[in-house]
């Protein structure tokens, strides 16, 4: 599978997608327009190792709900990501059986190397 879960209105996601210079066989899923299914999230979790690895603690809702002061478990991370797209650390790039989560320079470089 070659897929990127991203947010179409996110300038960072847009910049990274351009930078990756994707081949035509890549599928792009704008998570605001097409919600992540439980099956898709489970597949990402299998590759990433945990739901927490996919969870964005930078999301505004994370701060608004004061989630940092709660003891969140894997089930909580999963449910929050399914509840609102903003909790998914973006972009999530899947290249065959490898997953790259987030927008750090290192992660983007690693995903670029896996793609090309």
C-alpha atoms as a PDB file:
ATOM      1  CA  UNK A   1       0.000   0.000   0.000  1.00  0.00           C
ATOM      2  CA  UNK A   2       1.146   3.510  -0.783  1.00  0.00           C
ATOM      3  CA  UNK A   3      -0.938   6.066   1.014  1.00  0.00           C
ATOM      4  CA  UNK A   4      -0.756   9.398   2.813  1.00  0.00           C
ATOM      5  CA  UNK A   5      -3.264  10.484   5.429  1.00  0.00           C
ATOM      6  CA  UNK A   6      -3.145  14.267   5.539  1.00  0.00           C
ATOM      7  CA  UNK A   7      -5.139  17.421   6.114  1.00  0.00           C
ATOM      8  CA  UNK A   8      -5.794  19.321   2.889  1.00  0.00           C
ATOM      9  CA  UNK A   9      -5.933  22.675   4.672  1.00  0.00           C
ATOM     10  CA  UNK A  10      -2.630  22.143   6.511  1.00  0.00           C
ATOM     11  CA  UNK A  11       0.205  24.107   4.901  1.00  0.00           C
ATOM     12  CA  UNK A  12       2.797  21.764   6.435  1.00  0.00           C
ATOM     13  CA  UNK A  13       1.091  18.687   4.924  1.00  0.00           C
ATOM     14  CA  UNK A  14       0.829  20.420   1.541  1.00  0.00           C
ATOM     15  CA  UNK A  15       4.527  21.371   1.620  1.00  0.00           C
ATOM     16  CA  UNK A  16       5.605  17.848   2.597  1.00  0.00           C
ATOM     17  CA  UNK A  17       3.475  16.204  -0.107  1.00  0.00           C
ATOM     18  CA  UNK A  18       5.053  18.490  -2.722  1.00  0.00           C
ATOM     19  CA  UNK A  19       8.506  17.776  -1.313  1.00  0.00           C
ATOM     20  CA  UNK A  20       7.925  14.005  -1.500  1.00  0.00           C
ATOM     21  CA  UNK A  21       7.291  14.216  -5.261  1.00  0.00           C
ATOM     22  CA  UNK A  22       4.892  11.282  -5.122  1.00  0.00           C
ATOM     23  CA  UNK A  23       4.548   8.683  -7.866  1.00  0.00           C
ATOM     24  CA  UNK A  24       1.085   8.378  -9.435  1.00  0.00           C
ATOM     25  CA  UNK A  25       0.270   5.153  -7.547  1.00  0.00           C
ATOM     26  CA  UNK A  26       0.016   6.978  -4.198  1.00  0.00           C
ATOM     27  CA  UNK A  27      -3.413   7.442  -2.627  1.00  0.00           C
ATOM     28  CA  UNK A  28      -4.011  10.675  -0.726  1.00  0.00           C
ATOM     29  CA  UNK A  29      -6.727  10.739   1.920  1.00  0.00           C
ATOM     30  CA  UNK A  30      -7.759  14.125   3.277  1.00  0.00           C
ATOM     31  CA  UNK A  31      -8.822  13.096   6.786  1.00  0.00           C
ATOM     32  CA  UNK A  32     -11.158  16.060   7.162  1.00  0.00           C
ATOM     33  CA  UNK A  33     -13.137  15.143   4.034  1.00  0.00           C
ATOM     34  CA  UNK A  34     -12.891  11.363   4.445  1.00  0.00           C
ATOM     35  CA  UNK A  35     -12.772  10.233   8.063  1.00  0.00           C
ATOM     36  CA  UNK A  36     -10.353   7.564   9.179  1.00  0.00           C
ATOM     37  CA  UNK A  37     -12.097   4.239   9.678  1.00  0.00           C
ATOM     38  CA  UNK A  38     -11.421   1.992  12.668  1.00  0.00           C
ATOM     39  CA  UNK A  39      -9.877  -0.560  10.278  1.00  0.00           C
ATOM     40  CA  UNK A  40      -7.540   2.049   8.772  1.00  0.00           C
ATOM     41  CA  UNK A  41      -6.499   3.188  12.239  1.00  0.00           C
ATOM     42  CA  UNK A  42      -5.898  -0.406  13.342  1.00  0.00           C
ATOM     43  CA  UNK A  43      -3.715  -0.941  10.277  1.00  0.00           C
ATOM     44  CA  UNK A  44      -1.702   2.204  11.109  1.00  0.00           C
ATOM     45  CA  UNK A  45      -1.371   1.044  14.731  1.00  0.00           C
ATOM     46  CA  UNK A  46      -0.041  -2.337  13.613  1.00  0.00           C
ATOM     47  CA  UNK A  47       2.697  -0.594  11.621  1.00  0.00           C
ATOM     48  CA  UNK A  48       3.418   2.142  14.192  1.00  0.00           C
ATOM     49  CA  UNK A  49       3.327  -0.116  17.260  1.00  0.00           C
ATOM     50  CA  UNK A  50       0.797   1.896  19.275  1.00  0.00           C
ATOM     51  CA  UNK A  51      -2.077   4.355  18.991  1.00  0.00           C
ATOM     52  CA  UNK A  52      -0.063   6.787  21.097  1.00  0.00           C
ATOM     53  CA  UNK A  53       2.599   6.909  18.340  1.00  0.00           C
ATOM     54  CA  UNK A  54      -0.133   8.174  15.991  1.00  0.00           C
ATOM     55  CA  UNK A  55      -1.556  10.679  18.471  1.00  0.00           C
ATOM     56  CA  UNK A  56      -0.843  14.398  18.252  1.00  0.00           C
ATOM     57  CA  UNK A  57      -0.343  16.045  21.606  1.00  0.00           C
ATOM     58  CA  UNK A  58      -0.021  19.368  19.762  1.00  0.00           C
ATOM     59  CA  UNK A  59      -3.705  19.412  18.762  1.00  0.00           C
ATOM     60  CA  UNK A  60      -5.634  22.381  20.091  1.00  0.00           C
ATOM     61  CA  UNK A  61      -8.363  20.075  21.394  1.00  0.00           C
ATOM     62  CA  UNK A  62      -5.704  18.283  23.459  1.00  0.00           C
ATOM     63  CA  UNK A  63      -5.008  21.537  25.282  1.00  0.00           C
ATOM     64  CA  UNK A  64      -8.662  22.652  25.399  1.00  0.00           C
ATOM     65  CA  UNK A  65      -9.779  19.386  27.007  1.00  0.00           C
ATOM     66  CA  UNK A  66      -6.807  19.407  29.385  1.00  0.00           C
ATOM     67  CA  UNK A  67      -5.918  15.879  28.281  1.00  0.00           C
ATOM     68  CA  UNK A  68      -2.289  16.203  29.376  1.00  0.00           C
ATOM     69  CA  UNK A  69      -3.453  16.006  32.976  1.00  0.00           C
ATOM     70  CA  UNK A  70      -5.384  12.787  32.357  1.00  0.00           C
ATOM     71  CA  UNK A  71      -3.972   9.298  32.371  1.00  0.00           C
ATOM     72  CA  UNK A  72      -4.701   8.235  28.783  1.00  0.00           C
ATOM     73  CA  UNK A  73      -4.344   4.618  27.663  1.00  0.00           C
ATOM     74  CA  UNK A  74      -4.196   3.020  24.222  1.00  0.00           C
ATOM     75  CA  UNK A  75      -8.004   2.732  24.045  1.00  0.00           C
ATOM     76  CA  UNK A  76      -8.310   6.467  24.824  1.00  0.00           C
ATOM     77  CA  UNK A  77      -5.820   7.405  22.095  1.00  0.00           C
ATOM     78  CA  UNK A  78      -7.689   5.230  19.581  1.00  0.00           C
ATOM     79  CA  UNK A  79     -11.106   6.642  20.481  1.00  0.00           C
ATOM     80  CA  UNK A  80      -9.879  10.247  20.411  1.00  0.00           C
ATOM     81  CA  UNK A  81      -8.303   9.820  16.950  1.00  0.00           C
ATOM     82  CA  UNK A  82     -11.516   8.235  15.641  1.00  0.00           C
ATOM     83  CA  UNK A  83     -13.588  10.970  17.277  1.00  0.00           C
ATOM     84  CA  UNK A  84     -11.742  13.906  15.691  1.00  0.00           C
ATOM     85  CA  UNK A  85      -9.197  14.039  12.872  1.00  0.00           C
ATOM     86  CA  UNK A  86      -7.130  16.691  14.624  1.00  0.00           C
ATOM     87  CA  UNK A  87      -5.788  14.068  17.047  1.00  0.00           C
ATOM     88  CA  UNK A  88      -3.928  12.205  14.265  1.00  0.00           C
ATOM     89  CA  UNK A  89      -0.286  13.228  14.019  1.00  0.00           C
ATOM     90  CA  UNK A  90       0.105  14.312  10.398  1.00  0.00           C
ATOM     91  CA  UNK A  91       0.958  13.417   7.789  1.00  0.00           C
ATOM     92  CA  UNK A  92       0.969   9.632   8.046  1.00  0.00           C
ATOM     93  CA  UNK A  93       2.794   8.105   5.102  1.00  0.00           C
ATOM     94  CA  UNK A  94       2.560   4.383   4.420  1.00  0.00           C
ATOM     95  CA  UNK A  95       4.940   2.796   1.935  1.00  0.00           C
ATOM     96  CA  UNK A  96       4.267  -0.937   1.668  1.00  0.00           C
ATOM     97  CA  UNK A  97       4.883  -2.185   5.244  1.00  0.00           C
ATOM     98  CA  UNK A  98       6.639   0.954   6.539  1.00  0.00           C
ATOM     99  CA  UNK A  99       4.942   3.862   8.290  1.00  0.00           C
ATOM    100  CA  UNK A 100       6.182   7.400   8.795  1.00  0.00           C
ATOM    101  CA  UNK A 101       4.254   9.536  11.271  1.00  0.00           C
ATOM    102  CA  UNK A 102       4.549  13.285  11.645  1.00  0.00           C
ATOM    103  CA  UNK A 103       6.419  16.122  10.042  1.00  0.00           C
ATOM    104  CA  UNK A 104       9.891  16.128  11.566  1.00  0.00           C
ATOM    105  CA  UNK A 105      12.720  16.607   9.070  1.00  0.00           C
ATOM    106  CA  UNK A 106      14.052  13.135   9.872  1.00  0.00           C
ATOM    107  CA  UNK A 107      10.660  11.475   9.332  1.00  0.00           C
ATOM    108  CA  UNK A 108      10.076  13.300   6.040  1.00  0.00           C
ATOM    109  CA  UNK A 109      13.570  12.365   4.824  1.00  0.00           C
ATOM    110  CA  UNK A 110      13.043   8.713   5.780  1.00  0.00           C
ATOM    111  CA  UNK A 111       9.697   8.608   3.970  1.00  0.00           C
ATOM    112  CA  UNK A 112      11.243  10.241   0.901  1.00  0.00           C
ATOM    113  CA  UNK A 113      13.961   7.576   0.843  1.00  0.00           C
ATOM    114  CA  UNK A 114      11.358   4.794   1.138  1.00  0.00           C
ATOM    115  CA  UNK A 115       9.292   6.256  -1.723  1.00  0.00           C
ATOM    116  CA  UNK A 116      12.176   6.757  -4.182  1.00  0.00           C
END
